[in-house]
N, C-alpha and C. Protein backbone atom coordinates (compact mmCIF):
# COMPACT_ATOMS: atom_id res chain seq x y z
N MET A 1 62.16 180.54 113.55
CA MET A 1 62.00 179.20 113.60
C MET A 1 62.03 178.32 115.09
N PHE A 2 63.06 178.66 115.61
CA PHE A 2 64.06 177.71 116.38
C PHE A 2 62.97 178.59 118.38
N THR A 3 62.67 179.57 117.74
CA THR A 3 62.03 180.15 119.12
C THR A 3 60.55 179.77 118.65
N LEU A 4 59.84 179.49 117.80
CA LEU A 4 58.73 179.25 117.49
C LEU A 4 58.69 177.97 118.44
N ILE A 5 59.72 176.76 118.06
CA ILE A 5 59.68 175.66 118.26
C ILE A 5 59.82 175.51 120.03
N LYS A 6 60.57 176.46 120.56
CA LYS A 6 60.78 176.71 121.86
C LYS A 6 59.60 177.13 122.64
N THR A 7 59.03 177.76 122.31
CA THR A 7 57.64 178.70 122.98
C THR A 7 56.78 178.32 122.83
N TYR A 8 56.38 176.75 121.68
CA TYR A 8 55.78 176.11 121.98
C TYR A 8 55.76 174.71 122.66
N TYR A 9 57.16 174.14 122.78
CA TYR A 9 57.24 173.67 123.65
C TYR A 9 57.00 173.75 125.56
N LYS A 10 58.01 175.22 125.68
CA LYS A 10 57.21 175.63 127.25
C LYS A 10 56.00 175.83 127.25
N LYS A 11 54.92 175.88 126.41
CA LYS A 11 53.51 176.14 126.61
C LYS A 11 53.13 174.54 126.58
N ALA A 12 53.68 173.67 126.31
CA ALA A 12 52.98 171.97 126.28
C ALA A 12 53.26 171.73 127.40
N LYS A 13 52.91 171.78 128.19
CA LYS A 13 52.78 171.07 129.70
C LYS A 13 52.84 169.21 129.30
N TRP A 14 51.80 169.07 128.48
CA TRP A 14 51.65 167.34 128.83
C TRP A 14 52.90 166.49 128.19
N LEU A 15 53.45 167.66 127.33
CA LEU A 15 54.90 167.14 126.91
C LEU A 15 56.04 166.71 127.88
N LYS A 16 55.81 167.35 128.97
CA LYS A 16 56.32 167.02 129.86
C LYS A 16 56.12 165.63 130.86
N TRP A 17 54.49 165.81 130.88
CA TRP A 17 54.18 164.60 131.78
C TRP A 17 54.17 163.52 130.79
N ILE A 18 54.31 163.13 129.84
CA ILE A 18 54.60 161.66 128.81
C ILE A 18 55.82 161.73 129.43
N SER A 19 56.57 162.75 129.13
CA SER A 19 58.25 162.01 129.46
C SER A 19 58.45 161.54 130.99
N LEU A 20 57.90 162.09 131.93
CA LEU A 20 57.83 161.99 133.41
C LEU A 20 57.22 160.77 133.53
N LEU A 21 56.40 160.26 132.71
CA LEU A 21 55.70 159.08 132.81
C LEU A 21 55.58 158.09 132.06
N GLY A 22 55.89 158.34 130.97
CA GLY A 22 56.21 156.87 129.65
C GLY A 22 57.67 156.63 129.69
N LEU A 23 58.44 157.42 129.96
CA LEU A 23 59.65 156.83 130.33
C LEU A 23 60.20 155.76 131.11
N PRO A 24 59.52 156.14 132.20
CA PRO A 24 60.21 154.96 133.35
C PRO A 24 58.65 153.63 133.00
N ILE A 25 57.82 154.04 132.72
CA ILE A 25 56.63 153.10 132.76
C ILE A 25 57.42 152.09 131.18
N ILE A 26 57.79 152.68 130.39
CA ILE A 26 58.22 151.57 128.98
C ILE A 26 59.62 151.10 129.60
N GLY A 27 60.92 151.85 130.89
CA GLY A 27 61.30 150.96 131.09
C GLY A 27 61.37 149.83 131.66
N ILE A 28 59.97 150.16 132.75
CA ILE A 28 59.93 148.75 133.55
C ILE A 28 59.35 147.58 132.68
N ILE A 29 58.55 147.95 132.01
CA ILE A 29 58.16 146.90 130.87
C ILE A 29 59.33 146.36 129.90
N LEU A 30 60.08 147.25 129.49
CA LEU A 30 61.42 146.65 129.35
C LEU A 30 61.98 145.34 129.93
N ILE A 31 62.51 146.12 131.20
CA ILE A 31 63.22 145.48 132.06
C ILE A 31 62.64 143.82 132.49
N ALA A 32 60.95 143.98 132.34
CA ALA A 32 60.16 142.87 132.76
C ALA A 32 60.31 141.80 131.95
N GLU A 33 60.03 142.57 130.61
CA GLU A 33 60.23 141.42 129.25
C GLU A 33 61.49 140.54 129.45
N GLY A 34 62.60 141.52 129.58
CA GLY A 34 64.36 140.97 129.28
C GLY A 34 64.33 139.92 130.46
N TYR A 35 63.58 140.07 131.30
CA TYR A 35 64.03 139.24 132.41
C TYR A 35 63.30 137.59 132.14
N MET A 36 61.96 138.05 131.23
CA MET A 36 61.37 136.80 131.22
C MET A 36 62.23 136.08 129.84
N LEU A 37 62.96 137.08 129.21
CA LEU A 37 63.92 136.36 128.16
C LEU A 37 64.91 135.55 128.68
N LEU A 38 65.20 136.40 129.67
CA LEU A 38 66.60 135.27 130.47
C LEU A 38 65.97 134.05 130.78
N GLN A 39 64.79 134.10 131.67
CA GLN A 39 64.60 132.99 132.31
C GLN A 39 64.28 131.98 131.39
N ASN A 40 63.55 132.00 129.85
CA ASN A 40 63.20 131.55 129.30
C ASN A 40 64.51 130.86 128.27
N ASN A 41 65.53 131.40 127.91
CA ASN A 41 66.69 131.13 127.09
C ASN A 41 67.68 131.80 127.62
N THR A 42 67.99 131.11 128.59
CA THR A 42 69.63 131.40 129.10
C THR A 42 70.94 131.56 128.51
N GLY A 43 70.75 131.22 127.00
CA GLY A 43 72.09 131.06 125.94
C GLY A 43 71.89 132.27 125.30
N HIS A 44 71.00 132.93 125.20
CA HIS A 44 70.80 134.50 124.32
C HIS A 44 70.99 135.62 125.13
N LEU A 45 71.60 136.58 124.50
CA LEU A 45 72.13 137.75 124.95
C LEU A 45 71.07 138.66 125.25
N SER A 46 69.86 138.52 123.95
CA SER A 46 69.07 139.61 124.12
C SER A 46 68.41 139.84 125.34
N GLY A 47 68.01 138.99 126.46
CA GLY A 47 67.33 139.45 127.70
C GLY A 47 68.16 140.47 128.46
N THR A 48 69.52 140.20 128.28
CA THR A 48 70.57 141.19 128.81
C THR A 48 70.42 142.35 128.47
N LEU A 49 70.29 142.49 127.28
CA LEU A 49 70.19 144.06 126.10
C LEU A 49 68.88 144.48 126.52
N TYR A 50 68.08 143.86 126.75
CA TYR A 50 66.58 144.74 127.00
C TYR A 50 66.16 145.25 128.53
N ILE A 51 67.32 144.35 129.43
CA ILE A 51 66.94 144.44 130.84
C ILE A 51 67.92 145.96 130.61
N ILE A 52 69.15 146.53 129.94
CA ILE A 52 70.13 147.25 130.25
C ILE A 52 69.11 148.23 129.50
N SER A 53 68.40 148.05 128.16
CA SER A 53 67.58 149.02 127.79
C SER A 53 66.69 149.49 128.46
N GLY A 54 66.09 148.56 129.19
CA GLY A 54 65.26 149.18 130.10
C GLY A 54 65.34 150.32 131.38
N PHE A 55 66.88 149.58 131.89
CA PHE A 55 67.30 150.77 132.73
C PHE A 55 67.64 152.08 131.82
N LEU A 56 67.93 152.31 130.65
CA LEU A 56 68.67 153.33 130.55
C LEU A 56 66.78 154.15 130.00
N TRP A 57 66.03 153.77 129.48
CA TRP A 57 64.54 154.32 129.96
C TRP A 57 64.15 154.58 130.86
N PHE A 58 64.24 153.74 132.09
CA PHE A 58 64.12 154.43 132.90
C PHE A 58 64.63 155.44 134.05
N PHE A 59 66.17 155.31 133.95
CA PHE A 59 66.63 156.58 134.25
C PHE A 59 66.52 157.89 133.46
N GLY A 60 65.89 157.29 132.18
CA GLY A 60 66.09 158.41 131.03
C GLY A 60 64.41 159.46 131.61
N GLY A 61 63.47 158.82 132.41
CA GLY A 61 62.36 159.59 132.70
C GLY A 61 62.84 160.14 134.24
N VAL A 62 63.55 159.41 135.01
CA VAL A 62 64.14 160.10 136.29
C VAL A 62 65.05 161.61 136.26
N ILE A 63 65.95 161.37 134.96
CA ILE A 63 66.30 162.72 135.03
C ILE A 63 65.50 163.57 134.42
N GLU A 64 64.52 163.29 133.84
CA GLU A 64 63.87 164.39 133.56
C GLU A 64 63.12 164.92 134.36
N TRP A 65 62.60 164.25 135.73
CA TRP A 65 62.19 164.53 136.84
C TRP A 65 62.95 165.52 137.45
N ILE A 66 64.37 164.75 137.41
CA ILE A 66 65.67 165.83 138.19
C ILE A 66 65.65 167.39 137.43
N SER A 67 65.38 167.13 136.36
CA SER A 67 65.86 168.29 135.43
C SER A 67 64.80 169.68 135.89
N SER A 68 63.68 169.49 136.72
CA SER A 68 62.12 170.61 136.94
C SER A 68 63.05 171.47 137.83
N VAL A 69 64.20 170.64 138.56
CA VAL A 69 64.31 171.69 139.78
C VAL A 69 66.09 172.36 139.23
N LEU A 70 66.10 171.94 137.92
CA LEU A 70 67.73 172.81 137.66
C LEU A 70 67.15 173.69 136.75
N ASN A 71 68.82 174.53 136.91
CA ASN A 71 68.75 176.33 136.35
C ASN A 71 68.48 175.66 134.62
N GLN A 72 69.09 176.68 134.07
CA GLN A 72 68.70 176.44 131.99
C GLN A 72 69.89 175.80 131.74
N ILE A 73 70.82 175.85 132.33
CA ILE A 73 72.16 175.32 131.70
C ILE A 73 71.96 173.62 131.91
N SER A 74 71.47 173.38 133.33
CA SER A 74 71.46 171.98 133.73
C SER A 74 70.65 171.37 133.01
N ARG A 75 69.44 171.93 132.99
CA ARG A 75 68.25 171.14 132.14
C ARG A 75 68.86 171.49 130.81
N PHE A 76 69.34 172.01 130.00
CA PHE A 76 70.14 171.68 128.88
C PHE A 76 70.85 170.44 128.38
N VAL A 77 72.01 170.35 129.76
CA VAL A 77 72.36 169.15 130.03
C VAL A 77 71.94 167.82 129.99
N CYS A 78 70.80 168.24 131.24
CA CYS A 78 70.17 166.79 131.11
C CYS A 78 69.39 166.49 130.10
N THR A 79 68.36 167.38 129.60
CA THR A 79 67.99 166.76 127.91
C THR A 79 68.77 166.38 127.14
N VAL A 80 70.30 166.31 126.95
CA VAL A 80 71.05 165.77 126.13
C VAL A 80 71.17 164.79 126.86
N ILE A 81 71.31 164.29 127.81
CA ILE A 81 71.71 163.01 128.60
C ILE A 81 70.85 161.98 128.63
N GLU A 82 69.63 162.58 128.54
CA GLU A 82 67.79 161.88 128.54
C GLU A 82 68.03 161.22 127.36
N THR A 83 68.17 162.34 126.30
CA THR A 83 68.54 161.89 124.66
C THR A 83 68.72 160.88 124.38
N ILE A 84 70.32 160.71 124.61
CA ILE A 84 71.37 159.92 124.33
C ILE A 84 70.94 158.70 125.16
N MET A 85 70.65 158.46 126.50
CA MET A 85 70.25 157.54 127.29
C MET A 85 68.83 156.81 126.17
N VAL A 86 67.90 157.38 125.89
CA VAL A 86 66.69 156.69 125.40
C VAL A 86 67.34 156.67 124.14
N LEU A 87 68.17 157.24 122.94
CA LEU A 87 68.57 156.22 121.76
C LEU A 87 69.37 155.27 122.12
N SER A 88 70.02 154.99 122.63
CA SER A 88 71.10 153.98 123.17
C SER A 88 70.23 153.15 123.30
N GLY A 89 69.23 153.32 124.34
CA GLY A 89 68.41 151.95 124.92
C GLY A 89 67.51 151.65 123.70
N THR A 90 67.50 152.13 122.50
CA THR A 90 66.19 152.10 121.64
C THR A 90 67.34 151.43 120.81
N VAL A 91 68.31 151.57 120.22
CA VAL A 91 69.81 150.68 119.72
C VAL A 91 69.78 149.78 120.07
N LEU A 92 69.66 149.38 121.31
CA LEU A 92 69.78 148.21 122.05
C LEU A 92 68.87 147.41 121.62
N ILE A 93 67.74 147.69 121.70
CA ILE A 93 66.29 147.21 121.40
C ILE A 93 66.55 146.14 120.28
N PHE A 94 66.89 147.58 119.34
CA PHE A 94 66.63 147.11 117.61
C PHE A 94 67.85 145.48 117.58
N ILE A 95 69.09 145.74 118.41
CA ILE A 95 69.95 144.90 118.38
C ILE A 95 69.36 143.18 119.18
N ALA A 96 68.62 143.20 119.89
CA ALA A 96 68.17 142.55 120.53
C ALA A 96 67.10 141.54 119.73
């Protein structure tokens, strides 16, 4: 079952492009939204959390781009790091 999923993922190149383009775009949107929240409500912490979350999403996309030139083990490590960054960014959004 795992080999079937792995084979499908390697054949589906559109998944890679969604990660390459989607993560940085979402990150930039979150950074802009956090900046607007900081400008409107200076006493709230939610703007800072949105900015940190945006940077995590943005750098998740950068790590996805970097992983395309690495070997198999380094790609796996980059995928794990990217997943942790995106998940922690999502948790920060829910906290904010």
